[in-house]
Amino acid sequence: MPALVEAFSSPRPAVEAVRELGDPIAVWPAVFHALWSGVLRVRLDEPLHERAIVSVARQEAGAA
C-alpha cells in the first residue's frame, strides 16, 4: 500500500497512477481496496471512472 499512497500523494486521475504502478489487472483491485478502506479518497458526488481524481485521504501520524 505504500506505493499507492506515494502515487496519489498529489491528486491525479486514477488511470495515470494505475499505469505508472504496473499491470492494471493487479493494480486496480488495490486502488479500490484503498478507496473502500479510506486510505485514498475520491469525490462521491460524481460517477467513479478511470479519470476520476484520487488523492490520499489523510496523512499518517508523524509523517512530514
PDB file of N, CA and C in Angstrom:
ATOM      1  N   MET A   1       0.813  -1.210   0.000  1.00  0.00           N
ATOM      2  CA  MET A   1       0.000   0.000   0.000  1.00  0.00           C
ATOM      3  C   MET A   1       0.854   1.271   0.000  1.00  0.00           C
ATOM      4  N   PRO A   2       2.078   1.257   0.485  1.00  0.00           N
ATOM      5  CA  PRO A   2       2.889   2.479   0.441  1.00  0.00           C
ATOM      6  C   PRO A   2       3.074   3.021  -0.974  1.00  0.00           C
ATOM      7  N   ALA A   3       3.178   2.148  -1.957  1.00  0.00           N
ATOM      8  CA  ALA A   3       3.337   2.617  -3.341  1.00  0.00           C
ATOM      9  C   ALA A   3       2.095   3.364  -3.807  1.00  0.00           C
ATOM     10  N   LEU A   4       0.913   2.903  -3.397  1.00  0.00           N
ATOM     11  CA  LEU A   4      -0.329   3.602  -3.748  1.00  0.00           C
ATOM     12  C   LEU A   4      -0.368   4.982  -3.110  1.00  0.00           C
ATOM     13  N   VAL A   5      -0.025   5.053  -1.851  1.00  0.00           N
ATOM     14  CA  VAL A   5      -0.035   6.338  -1.144  1.00  0.00           C
ATOM     15  C   VAL A   5       0.932   7.306  -1.818  1.00  0.00           C
ATOM     16  N   GLU A   6       2.092   6.826  -2.186  1.00  0.00           N
ATOM     17  CA  GLU A   6       3.073   7.680  -2.867  1.00  0.00           C
ATOM     18  C   GLU A   6       2.557   8.120  -4.235  1.00  0.00           C
ATOM     19  N   ALA A   7       1.948   7.205  -4.972  1.00  0.00           N
ATOM     20  CA  ALA A   7       1.455   7.526  -6.318  1.00  0.00           C
ATOM     21  C   ALA A   7       0.359   8.585  -6.292  1.00  0.00           C
ATOM     22  N   PHE A   8      -0.433   8.598  -5.216  1.00  0.00           N
ATOM     23  CA  PHE A   8      -1.530   9.559  -5.104  1.00  0.00           C
ATOM     24  C   PHE A   8      -1.221  10.664  -4.095  1.00  0.00           C
ATOM     25  N   SER A   9       0.058  10.896  -3.801  1.00  0.00           N
ATOM     26  CA  SER A   9       0.415  11.947  -2.839  1.00  0.00           C
ATOM     27  C   SER A   9      -0.041  13.320  -3.318  1.00  0.00           C
ATOM     28  N   SER A  10      -0.119  13.498  -4.618  1.00  0.00           N
ATOM     29  CA  SER A  10      -0.746  14.680  -5.216  1.00  0.00           C
ATOM     30  C   SER A  10      -1.975  14.185  -5.966  1.00  0.00           C
ATOM     31  N   PRO A  11      -3.100  14.882  -5.851  1.00  0.00           N
ATOM     32  CA  PRO A  11      -4.309  14.434  -6.555  1.00  0.00           C
ATOM     33  C   PRO A  11      -4.050  14.269  -8.052  1.00  0.00           C
ATOM     34  N   ARG A  12      -4.543  13.159  -8.596  1.00  0.00           N
ATOM     35  CA  ARG A  12      -4.353  12.884 -10.021  1.00  0.00           C
ATOM     36  C   ARG A  12      -5.384  11.888 -10.513  1.00  0.00           C
ATOM     37  N   PRO A  13      -5.592  11.807 -11.831  1.00  0.00           N
ATOM     38  CA  PRO A  13      -6.531  10.822 -12.365  1.00  0.00           C
ATOM     39  C   PRO A  13      -6.085   9.403 -12.003  1.00  0.00           C
ATOM     40  N   ALA A  14      -7.022   8.592 -11.607  1.00  0.00           N
ATOM     41  CA  ALA A  14      -6.716   7.233 -11.164  1.00  0.00           C
ATOM     42  C   ALA A  14      -5.929   6.452 -12.204  1.00  0.00           C
ATOM     43  N   VAL A  15      -6.341   6.535 -13.454  1.00  0.00           N
ATOM     44  CA  VAL A  15      -5.708   5.734 -14.500  1.00  0.00           C
ATOM     45  C   VAL A  15      -4.227   6.070 -14.673  1.00  0.00           C
ATOM     46  N   GLU A  16      -3.840   7.301 -14.453  1.00  0.00           N
ATOM     47  CA  GLU A  16      -2.425   7.675 -14.587  1.00  0.00           C
ATOM     48  C   GLU A  16      -1.572   6.945 -13.559  1.00  0.00           C
ATOM     49  N   ALA A  17      -2.018   6.930 -12.322  1.00  0.00           N
ATOM     50  CA  ALA A  17      -1.258   6.248 -11.274  1.00  0.00           C
ATOM     51  C   ALA A  17      -1.274   4.743 -11.484  1.00  0.00           C
ATOM     52  N   VAL A  18      -2.412   4.204 -11.889  1.00  0.00           N
ATOM     53  CA  VAL A  18      -2.507   2.760 -12.120  1.00  0.00           C
ATOM     54  C   VAL A  18      -1.501   2.333 -13.182  1.00  0.00           C
ATOM     55  N   ARG A  19      -1.442   3.041 -14.281  1.00  0.00           N
ATOM     56  CA  ARG A  19      -0.495   2.699 -15.351  1.00  0.00           C
ATOM     57  C   ARG A  19       0.948   2.827 -14.879  1.00  0.00           C
ATOM     58  N   GLU A  20       1.207   3.802 -14.027  1.00  0.00           N
ATOM     59  CA  GLU A  20       2.560   4.013 -13.508  1.00  0.00           C
ATOM     60  C   GLU A  20       2.977   2.891 -12.553  1.00  0.00           C
ATOM     61  N   LEU A  21       2.021   2.358 -11.803  1.00  0.00           N
ATOM     62  CA  LEU A  21       2.328   1.366 -10.774  1.00  0.00           C
ATOM     63  C   LEU A  21       2.524  -0.050 -11.311  1.00  0.00           C
ATOM     64  N   GLY A  22       2.005  -0.341 -12.490  1.00  0.00           N
ATOM     65  CA  GLY A  22       2.205  -1.691 -13.029  1.00  0.00           C
ATOM     66  C   GLY A  22       1.021  -2.210 -13.808  1.00  0.00           C
ATOM     67  N   ASP A  23       0.858  -3.517 -13.803  1.00  0.00           N
ATOM     68  CA  ASP A  23      -0.202  -4.195 -14.546  1.00  0.00           C
ATOM     69  C   ASP A  23      -1.567  -3.777 -13.994  1.00  0.00           C
ATOM     70  N   PRO A  24      -2.393  -3.122 -14.816  1.00  0.00           N
ATOM     71  CA  PRO A  24      -3.700  -2.662 -14.331  1.00  0.00           C
ATOM     72  C   PRO A  24      -4.565  -3.766 -13.722  1.00  0.00           C
ATOM     73  N   ILE A  25      -4.443  -5.000 -14.222  1.00  0.00           N
ATOM     74  CA  ILE A  25      -5.220  -6.112 -13.668  1.00  0.00           C
ATOM     75  C   ILE A  25      -4.856  -6.342 -12.199  1.00  0.00           C
ATOM     76  N   ALA A  26      -3.630  -6.088 -11.846  1.00  0.00           N
ATOM     77  CA  ALA A  26      -3.184  -6.254 -10.463  1.00  0.00           C
ATOM     78  C   ALA A  26      -3.375  -4.991  -9.633  1.00  0.00           C
ATOM     79  N   VAL A  27      -3.278  -3.821 -10.262  1.00  0.00           N
ATOM     80  CA  VAL A  27      -3.285  -2.561  -9.516  1.00  0.00           C
ATOM     81  C   VAL A  27      -4.692  -2.057  -9.208  1.00  0.00           C
ATOM     82  N   TRP A  28      -5.636  -2.166 -10.158  1.00  0.00           N
ATOM     83  CA  TRP A  28      -6.988  -1.646  -9.906  1.00  0.00           C
ATOM     84  C   TRP A  28      -7.612  -2.207  -8.630  1.00  0.00           C
ATOM     85  N   PRO A  29      -7.538  -3.528  -8.368  1.00  0.00           N
ATOM     86  CA  PRO A  29      -8.124  -4.022  -7.112  1.00  0.00           C
ATOM     87  C   PRO A  29      -7.511  -3.371  -5.872  1.00  0.00           C
ATOM     88  N   ALA A  30      -6.221  -3.101  -5.911  1.00  0.00           N
ATOM     89  CA  ALA A  30      -5.569  -2.446  -4.773  1.00  0.00           C
ATOM     90  C   ALA A  30      -6.065  -1.013  -4.615  1.00  0.00           C
ATOM     91  N   VAL A  31      -6.284  -0.323  -5.735  1.00  0.00           N
ATOM     92  CA  VAL A  31      -6.815   1.046  -5.679  1.00  0.00           C
ATOM     93  C   VAL A  31      -8.216   1.038  -5.077  1.00  0.00           C
ATOM     94  N   PHE A  32      -9.077   0.127  -5.544  1.00  0.00           N
ATOM     95  CA  PHE A  32     -10.437   0.060  -4.997  1.00  0.00           C
ATOM     96  C   PHE A  32     -10.421  -0.300  -3.515  1.00  0.00           C
ATOM     97  N   HIS A  33      -9.548  -1.208  -3.121  1.00  0.00           N
ATOM     98  CA  HIS A  33      -9.439  -1.556  -1.699  1.00  0.00           C
ATOM     99  C   HIS A  33      -9.017  -0.329  -0.881  1.00  0.00           C
ATOM    100  N   ALA A  34      -8.052   0.421  -1.389  1.00  0.00           N
ATOM    101  CA  ALA A  34      -7.592   1.622  -0.683  1.00  0.00           C
ATOM    102  C   ALA A  34      -8.694   2.677  -0.608  1.00  0.00           C
ATOM    103  N   LEU A  35      -9.514   2.784  -1.652  1.00  0.00           N
ATOM    104  CA  LEU A  35     -10.651   3.714  -1.616  1.00  0.00           C
ATOM    105  C   LEU A  35     -11.667   3.265  -0.572  1.00  0.00           C
ATOM    106  N   TRP A  36     -12.041   1.997  -0.604  1.00  0.00           N
ATOM    107  CA  TRP A  36     -13.069   1.487   0.307  1.00  0.00           C
ATOM    108  C   TRP A  36     -12.613   1.485   1.757  1.00  0.00           C
ATOM    109  N   SER A  37     -11.319   1.339   1.989  1.00  0.00           N
ATOM    110  CA  SER A  37     -10.837   1.322   3.372  1.00  0.00           C
ATOM    111  C   SER A  37     -10.428   2.704   3.874  1.00  0.00           C
ATOM    112  N   GLY A  38     -10.579   3.730   3.030  1.00  0.00           N
ATOM    113  CA  GLY A  38     -10.351   5.098   3.478  1.00  0.00           C
ATOM    114  C   GLY A  38      -8.924   5.596   3.381  1.00  0.00           C
ATOM    115  N   VAL A  39      -8.044   4.840   2.762  1.00  0.00           N
ATOM    116  CA  VAL A  39      -6.663   5.292   2.585  1.00  0.00           C
ATOM    117  C   VAL A  39      -6.597   6.347   1.482  1.00  0.00           C
ATOM    118  N   LEU A  40      -7.361   6.109   0.413  1.00  0.00           N
ATOM    119  CA  LEU A  40      -7.475   7.067  -0.686  1.00  0.00           C
ATOM    120  C   LEU A  40      -8.877   7.641  -0.688  1.00  0.00           C
ATOM    121  N   ARG A  41      -9.046   8.777  -1.344  1.00  0.00           N
ATOM    122  CA  ARG A  41     -10.377   9.380  -1.430  1.00  0.00           C
ATOM    123  C   ARG A  41     -10.651   9.853  -2.852  1.00  0.00           C
ATOM    124  N   VAL A  42     -11.938   9.936  -3.145  1.00  0.00           N
ATOM    125  CA  VAL A  42     -12.422  10.403  -4.434  1.00  0.00           C
ATOM    126  C   VAL A  42     -13.760  11.083  -4.172  1.00  0.00           C
ATOM    127  N   ARG A  43     -14.116  12.030  -5.012  1.00  0.00           N
ATOM    128  CA  ARG A  43     -15.413  12.708  -4.846  1.00  0.00           C
ATOM    129  C   ARG A  43     -16.536  11.697  -5.045  1.00  0.00           C
ATOM    130  N   LEU A  44     -17.522  11.734  -4.181  1.00  0.00           N
ATOM    131  CA  LEU A  44     -18.642  10.808  -4.273  1.00  0.00           C
ATOM    132  C   LEU A  44     -19.868  11.426  -4.919  1.00  0.00           C
ATOM    133  N   ASP A  45     -19.782  12.696  -5.296  1.00  0.00           N
ATOM    134  CA  ASP A  45     -20.933  13.347  -5.926  1.00  0.00           C
ATOM    135  C   ASP A  45     -20.872  13.265  -7.452  1.00  0.00           C
ATOM    136  N   GLU A  46     -19.961  12.462  -7.979  1.00  0.00           N
ATOM    137  CA  GLU A  46     -19.887  12.215  -9.414  1.00  0.00           C
ATOM    138  C   GLU A  46     -19.543  10.736  -9.625  1.00  0.00           C
ATOM    139  N   PRO A  47     -19.860  10.188 -10.796  1.00  0.00           N
ATOM    140  CA  PRO A  47     -19.581   8.765 -11.034  1.00  0.00           C
ATOM    141  C   PRO A  47     -18.084   8.449 -10.930  1.00  0.00           C
ATOM    142  N   LEU A  48     -17.796   7.278 -10.409  1.00  0.00           N
ATOM    143  CA  LEU A  48     -16.416   6.815 -10.329  1.00  0.00           C
ATOM    144  C   LEU A  48     -16.018   6.277 -11.706  1.00  0.00           C
ATOM    145  N   HIS A  49     -14.938   6.793 -12.260  1.00  0.00           N
ATOM    146  CA  HIS A  49     -14.457   6.367 -13.568  1.00  0.00           C
ATOM    147  C   HIS A  49     -12.940   6.474 -13.578  1.00  0.00           C
ATOM    148  N   GLU A  50     -12.315   5.981 -14.634  1.00  0.00           N
ATOM    149  CA  GLU A  50     -10.852   5.913 -14.646  1.00  0.00           C
ATOM    150  C   GLU A  50     -10.158   7.272 -14.591  1.00  0.00           C
ATOM    151  N   ARG A  51     -10.828   8.343 -15.003  1.00  0.00           N
ATOM    152  CA  ARG A  51     -10.230   9.679 -14.966  1.00  0.00           C
ATOM    153  C   ARG A  51     -10.603  10.446 -13.693  1.00  0.00           C
ATOM    154  N   ALA A  52     -11.326   9.812 -12.773  1.00  0.00           N
ATOM    155  CA  ALA A  52     -11.688  10.460 -11.508  1.00  0.00           C
ATOM    156  C   ALA A  52     -10.405  10.838 -10.756  1.00  0.00           C
ATOM    157  N   ILE A  53     -10.422  12.000 -10.135  1.00  0.00           N
ATOM    158  CA  ILE A  53      -9.260  12.481  -9.386  1.00  0.00           C
ATOM    159  C   ILE A  53      -9.231  11.803  -8.016  1.00  0.00           C
ATOM    160  N   VAL A  54      -8.121  11.146  -7.739  1.00  0.00           N
ATOM    161  CA  VAL A  54      -7.934  10.400  -6.493  1.00  0.00           C
ATOM    162  C   VAL A  54      -6.781  11.036  -5.730  1.00  0.00           C
ATOM    163  N   SER A  55      -6.901  11.049  -4.402  1.00  0.00           N
ATOM    164  CA  SER A  55      -5.824  11.584  -3.563  1.00  0.00           C
ATOM    165  C   SER A  55      -5.756  10.790  -2.267  1.00  0.00           C
ATOM    166  N   VAL A  56      -4.711  11.032  -1.509  1.00  0.00           N
ATOM    167  CA  VAL A  56      -4.555  10.396  -0.199  1.00  0.00           C
ATOM    168  C   VAL A  56      -5.580  11.011   0.745  1.00  0.00           C
ATOM    169  N   ALA A  57      -6.257  10.172   1.516  1.00  0.00           N
ATOM    170  CA  ALA A  57      -7.322  10.643   2.393  1.00  0.00           C
ATOM    171  C   ALA A  57      -6.790  11.364   3.623  1.00  0.00           C
ATOM    172  N   ARG A  58      -5.698  10.886   4.165  1.00  0.00           N
ATOM    173  CA  ARG A  58      -5.165  11.505   5.389  1.00  0.00           C
ATOM    174  C   ARG A  58      -3.674  11.195   5.487  1.00  0.00           C
ATOM    175  N   GLN A  59      -2.983  12.025   6.209  1.00  0.00           N
ATOM    176  CA  GLN A  59      -1.561  11.804   6.450  1.00  0.00           C
ATOM    177  C   GLN A  59      -1.397  10.892   7.658  1.00  0.00           C
ATOM    178  N   GLU A  60      -0.408  10.036   7.617  1.00  0.00           N
ATOM    179  CA  GLU A  60      -0.092   9.191   8.763  1.00  0.00           C
ATOM    180  C   GLU A  60       0.484  10.059   9.878  1.00  0.00           C
ATOM    181  N   ALA A  61       0.230   9.698  11.102  1.00  0.00           N
ATOM    182  CA  ALA A  61       0.763  10.441  12.246  1.00  0.00           C
ATOM    183  C   ALA A  61       2.287  10.432  12.190  1.00  0.00           C
ATOM    184  N   GLY A  62       2.865  11.595  12.336  1.00  0.00           N
ATOM    185  CA  GLY A  62       4.310  11.713  12.335  1.00  0.00           C
ATOM    186  C   GLY A  62       4.932  11.868  10.962  1.00  0.00           C
ATOM    187  N   ALA A  63       4.108  11.792   9.915  1.00  0.00           N
ATOM    188  CA  ALA A  63       4.655  11.960   8.560  1.00  0.00           C
ATOM    189  C   ALA A  63       4.907  13.441   8.302  1.00  0.00           C
ATOM    190  N   ALA A  64       5.966  13.716   7.586  1.00  0.00           N
ATOM    191  CA  ALA A  64       6.283  15.120   7.310  1.00  0.00           C
ATOM    192  C   ALA A  64       6.193  15.414   5.852  1.00  0.00           C
TER     193      ALA A  64
END
